[in-house]
Amino acid sequence: MPRTTNAPVTRKRRKKVLKRAKGFVGGRSRLFRTANETVKRAQRFAFRDRKAKKRVFRSLWIVRISAAVKNAGLSYSKFISGLKKAKVALDRRIMAEIAADDSKTFKEIVKIAKSGLK
């Protein structure tokens, strides 16, 4: 009985890894073993950073809102507290966008937050 090597599947797996390694420098894009290590590492970073991206953007929105609220004479925490008490359901992404693009509307939101604090 002839020995089976499972060549088509092995070749397909290797091609898939080398395709993902496209753009890597030197042997990392040409040699299967080093490409495989690099691709696995890149996938770990990609998985981790998809989670981290959400945290980074949330902190960016908070910084933008905080800067806009300070101009209105409030702290960020008081502003958020006032909005919650006034039952305003705007997420931070939208508020940061409004703060950057439409200062008139943002001032109205700040007024609502101040009234919620009273």
Protein backbone atom coordinates (compact mmCIF):
# COMPACT_ATOMS: atom_id res chain seq x y z
CA MET A 1 0.00 0.00 0.00
CA PRO A 2 1.45 3.38 -0.98
CA ARG A 3 2.24 5.97 1.63
CA THR A 4 -0.21 8.87 1.79
CA THR A 5 1.28 12.32 2.17
CA ASN A 6 -1.89 14.42 2.17
CA ALA A 7 -0.02 16.82 -0.14
CA PRO A 8 -2.97 18.87 -1.43
CA VAL A 9 -4.15 19.77 2.10
CA THR A 10 -0.63 20.55 3.30
CA ARG A 11 0.05 22.75 0.26
CA LYS A 12 -3.27 24.55 0.76
CA ARG A 13 -2.48 25.23 4.43
CA ARG A 14 1.00 26.53 3.58
CA LYS A 15 -0.29 28.73 0.78
CA LYS A 16 -2.89 30.18 3.13
CA VAL A 17 -0.21 31.12 5.68
CA LEU A 18 2.13 32.55 3.03
CA LYS A 19 -0.74 34.57 1.57
CA ARG A 20 -1.39 36.10 4.99
CA ALA A 21 2.34 36.83 5.33
CA LYS A 22 2.36 38.95 2.19
CA GLY A 23 4.14 42.24 2.82
CA PHE A 24 6.29 40.90 5.65
CA VAL A 25 10.04 41.47 5.25
CA GLY A 26 12.51 38.82 4.06
CA GLY A 27 12.00 35.20 5.01
CA ARG A 28 8.96 36.13 7.05
CA SER A 29 7.01 36.30 3.80
CA ARG A 30 8.77 33.47 1.93
CA LEU A 31 9.68 30.72 4.37
CA PHE A 32 6.80 28.74 5.81
CA ARG A 33 8.11 28.25 9.33
CA THR A 34 9.06 31.86 10.01
CA ALA A 35 5.98 33.11 8.16
CA ASN A 36 3.79 30.84 10.29
CA GLU A 37 5.28 32.18 13.52
CA THR A 38 4.91 35.78 12.36
CA VAL A 39 1.33 35.29 11.15
CA LYS A 40 0.31 33.68 14.45
CA ARG A 41 1.88 36.56 16.36
CA ALA A 42 0.18 39.12 14.12
CA GLN A 43 -3.17 37.43 14.69
CA ARG A 44 -2.68 37.59 18.46
CA PHE A 45 -1.95 41.33 18.21
CA ALA A 46 -4.97 41.84 15.93
CA PHE A 47 -7.28 40.05 18.38
CA ARG A 48 -5.92 41.96 21.37
CA ASP A 49 -6.00 45.32 19.62
CA ARG A 50 -9.58 44.94 18.40
CA LYS A 51 -10.50 44.97 22.09
CA ALA A 52 -8.05 47.76 22.94
CA LYS A 53 -9.37 49.93 20.10
CA LYS A 54 -12.72 50.23 21.87
CA ARG A 55 -11.04 51.42 25.07
CA VAL A 56 -8.82 53.89 23.20
CA PHE A 57 -11.73 55.47 21.37
CA ARG A 58 -13.84 55.73 24.51
CA SER A 59 -11.01 57.56 26.30
CA LEU A 60 -10.58 59.87 23.29
CA TRP A 61 -14.29 60.76 23.37
CA ILE A 62 -14.08 61.42 27.11
CA VAL A 63 -11.11 63.76 26.63
CA ARG A 64 -12.95 65.69 23.90
CA ILE A 65 -16.13 65.99 25.95
CA SER A 66 -14.16 67.01 29.03
CA ALA A 67 -12.39 69.79 27.13
CA ALA A 68 -15.68 71.14 25.78
CA VAL A 69 -17.40 70.92 29.18
CA LYS A 70 -14.54 72.75 30.95
CA ASN A 71 -15.17 75.73 28.64
CA ALA A 72 -18.75 75.74 29.91
CA GLY A 73 -17.58 75.73 33.55
CA LEU A 74 -18.35 72.14 34.53
CA SER A 75 -16.31 69.06 35.23
CA TYR A 76 -16.77 65.95 33.11
CA SER A 77 -18.09 63.86 36.00
CA LYS A 78 -20.65 66.49 37.01
CA PHE A 79 -21.70 66.82 33.38
CA ILE A 80 -22.30 63.07 33.01
CA SER A 81 -24.06 62.96 36.38
CA GLY A 82 -26.32 65.83 35.35
CA LEU A 83 -27.20 64.11 32.08
CA LYS A 84 -28.08 60.89 33.86
CA LYS A 85 -30.30 62.73 36.36
CA ALA A 86 -31.97 64.59 33.47
CA LYS A 87 -32.50 61.19 31.76
CA VAL A 88 -30.59 62.16 28.61
CA ALA A 89 -29.44 59.05 26.76
CA LEU A 90 -26.64 60.23 24.47
CA ASP A 91 -23.57 58.08 24.13
CA ARG A 92 -20.08 59.52 24.40
CA ARG A 93 -19.28 59.13 20.72
CA ILE A 94 -22.22 61.30 19.70
CA MET A 95 -21.52 63.87 22.42
CA ALA A 96 -17.86 64.13 21.36
CA GLU A 97 -18.96 64.63 17.76
CA ILE A 98 -21.45 67.33 18.77
CA ALA A 99 -18.83 69.02 20.96
CA ALA A 100 -16.38 69.16 18.05
CA ASP A 101 -18.80 70.13 15.26
CA ASP A 102 -21.75 72.00 16.77
CA SER A 103 -20.89 74.08 19.82
CA LYS A 104 -24.34 75.71 19.92
CA THR A 105 -26.09 72.37 20.37
CA PHE A 106 -23.48 71.25 22.88
CA LYS A 107 -24.15 74.34 25.00
CA GLU A 108 -27.82 73.34 25.08
CA ILE A 109 -26.83 69.85 26.27
CA VAL A 110 -24.66 71.45 28.98
CA LYS A 111 -27.65 73.54 30.10
CA ILE A 112 -29.74 70.39 30.36
CA ALA A 113 -26.99 68.74 32.41
CA LYS A 114 -26.78 71.75 34.73
CA SER A 115 -30.52 71.71 35.24
CA GLY A 116 -30.30 68.00 36.02
CA LEU A 117 -27.79 68.72 38.78
CA LYS A 118 -30.18 71.06 40.62
